[in-house]
Structure formats: C-alpha cells, structure tokens
Amino acid sequence: MCPKQFAPTTSVGQTILEQSLSKNLKAKIFNAILRISRELKSLIWCESLTQRTNNVVNLSNL
C-alpha cells in the first residue's frame, strides 16, 4: 500500500492547490508554464541542430 501524500496546507487546513487564486497569479503561472514549454522546445531544437551540424562536419572530414 502506498503512503498517503500530503499537500501543503494553510492555517485553516485548506490545501494550497485548493485555494482560490487571483486572476493575476493565475496569469503569472500560466505564462511561466508557456515560457518553460517554449524554452524547452527551443533547447531541443538547438541541440538537434548542433547534432546535425556535427554530423555534417564529421562527414566532410572523411
């Protein structure tokens, strides 16, 4: 049996995730998630481009 997971709670016992969030905070969280998603895609694309460039350089050295 898995141990029960506990979420951080406020002084009234309501979990942090159950609290109502302001529109401003929701927008900040949403924008942060979008930014991280874009940065990750950009990083993967750059890594892929570097790999392809290295492959071309290696082939030209043959």
Protein backbone atom coordinates (compact mmCIF):
# COMPACT_ATOMS: atom_id res chain seq x y z
CA MET A 1 0.00 0.00 0.00
CA CYS A 2 1.35 3.43 -0.94
CA PRO A 3 1.83 6.02 1.80
CA LYS A 4 -0.66 8.88 1.73
CA GLN A 5 0.72 12.04 0.11
CA PHE A 6 0.15 15.31 1.96
CA ALA A 7 -0.12 18.69 0.25
CA PRO A 8 0.96 21.90 1.99
CA THR A 9 -1.94 23.39 3.94
CA THR A 10 -2.96 26.83 5.13
CA SER A 11 -3.82 27.67 8.72
CA VAL A 12 -7.44 26.64 8.10
CA GLY A 13 -6.47 23.22 6.69
CA GLN A 14 -7.19 24.04 3.05
CA THR A 15 -4.51 22.74 0.69
CA ILE A 16 -2.52 25.31 -1.23
CA LEU A 17 -3.88 23.93 -4.51
CA GLU A 18 -7.49 24.23 -3.30
CA GLN A 19 -7.21 27.94 -2.54
CA SER A 20 -8.78 30.33 -4.97
CA LEU A 21 -6.06 32.19 -6.85
CA SER A 22 -6.22 35.76 -8.07
CA LYS A 23 -6.51 36.31 -11.82
CA ASN A 24 -3.09 37.97 -11.75
CA LEU A 25 -1.45 34.95 -10.09
CA LYS A 26 -3.21 32.53 -12.46
CA ALA A 27 -1.91 34.57 -15.42
CA LYS A 28 1.64 34.55 -14.00
CA ILE A 29 1.56 30.77 -13.51
CA PHE A 30 0.12 30.21 -17.00
CA ASN A 31 2.74 32.50 -18.59
CA ALA A 32 5.56 30.78 -16.69
CA ILE A 33 4.38 27.37 -17.93
CA LEU A 34 4.21 28.66 -21.52
CA ARG A 35 7.70 30.20 -21.25
CA ILE A 36 9.20 27.00 -19.87
CA SER A 37 7.49 25.00 -22.61
CA ARG A 38 8.87 27.32 -25.31
CA GLU A 39 12.37 27.32 -23.81
CA LEU A 40 12.38 23.52 -23.69
CA LYS A 41 11.31 23.27 -27.34
CA SER A 42 13.97 25.83 -28.29
CA LEU A 43 16.63 23.93 -26.36
CA ILE A 44 15.67 20.64 -28.04
CA TRP A 45 15.71 22.33 -31.47
CA CYS A 46 19.15 23.87 -30.86
CA GLU A 47 20.52 20.56 -29.60
CA SER A 48 19.16 18.81 -32.69
CA LEU A 49 20.68 21.47 -34.97
CA THR A 50 24.05 21.13 -33.23
CA GLN A 51 23.92 17.35 -33.65
CA ARG A 52 23.13 17.68 -37.37
CA THR A 53 25.89 20.25 -37.84
CA ASN A 54 28.38 17.97 -36.11
CA ASN A 55 27.32 15.08 -38.33
CA VAL A 56 27.93 17.18 -41.46
CA VAL A 57 31.35 18.27 -40.19
CA ASN A 58 32.27 14.66 -39.38
CA LEU A 59 31.23 13.51 -42.86
CA SER A 60 33.28 16.24 -44.53
CA ASN A 61 36.37 15.08 -42.62
CA LEU A 62 36.19 11.59 -44.17
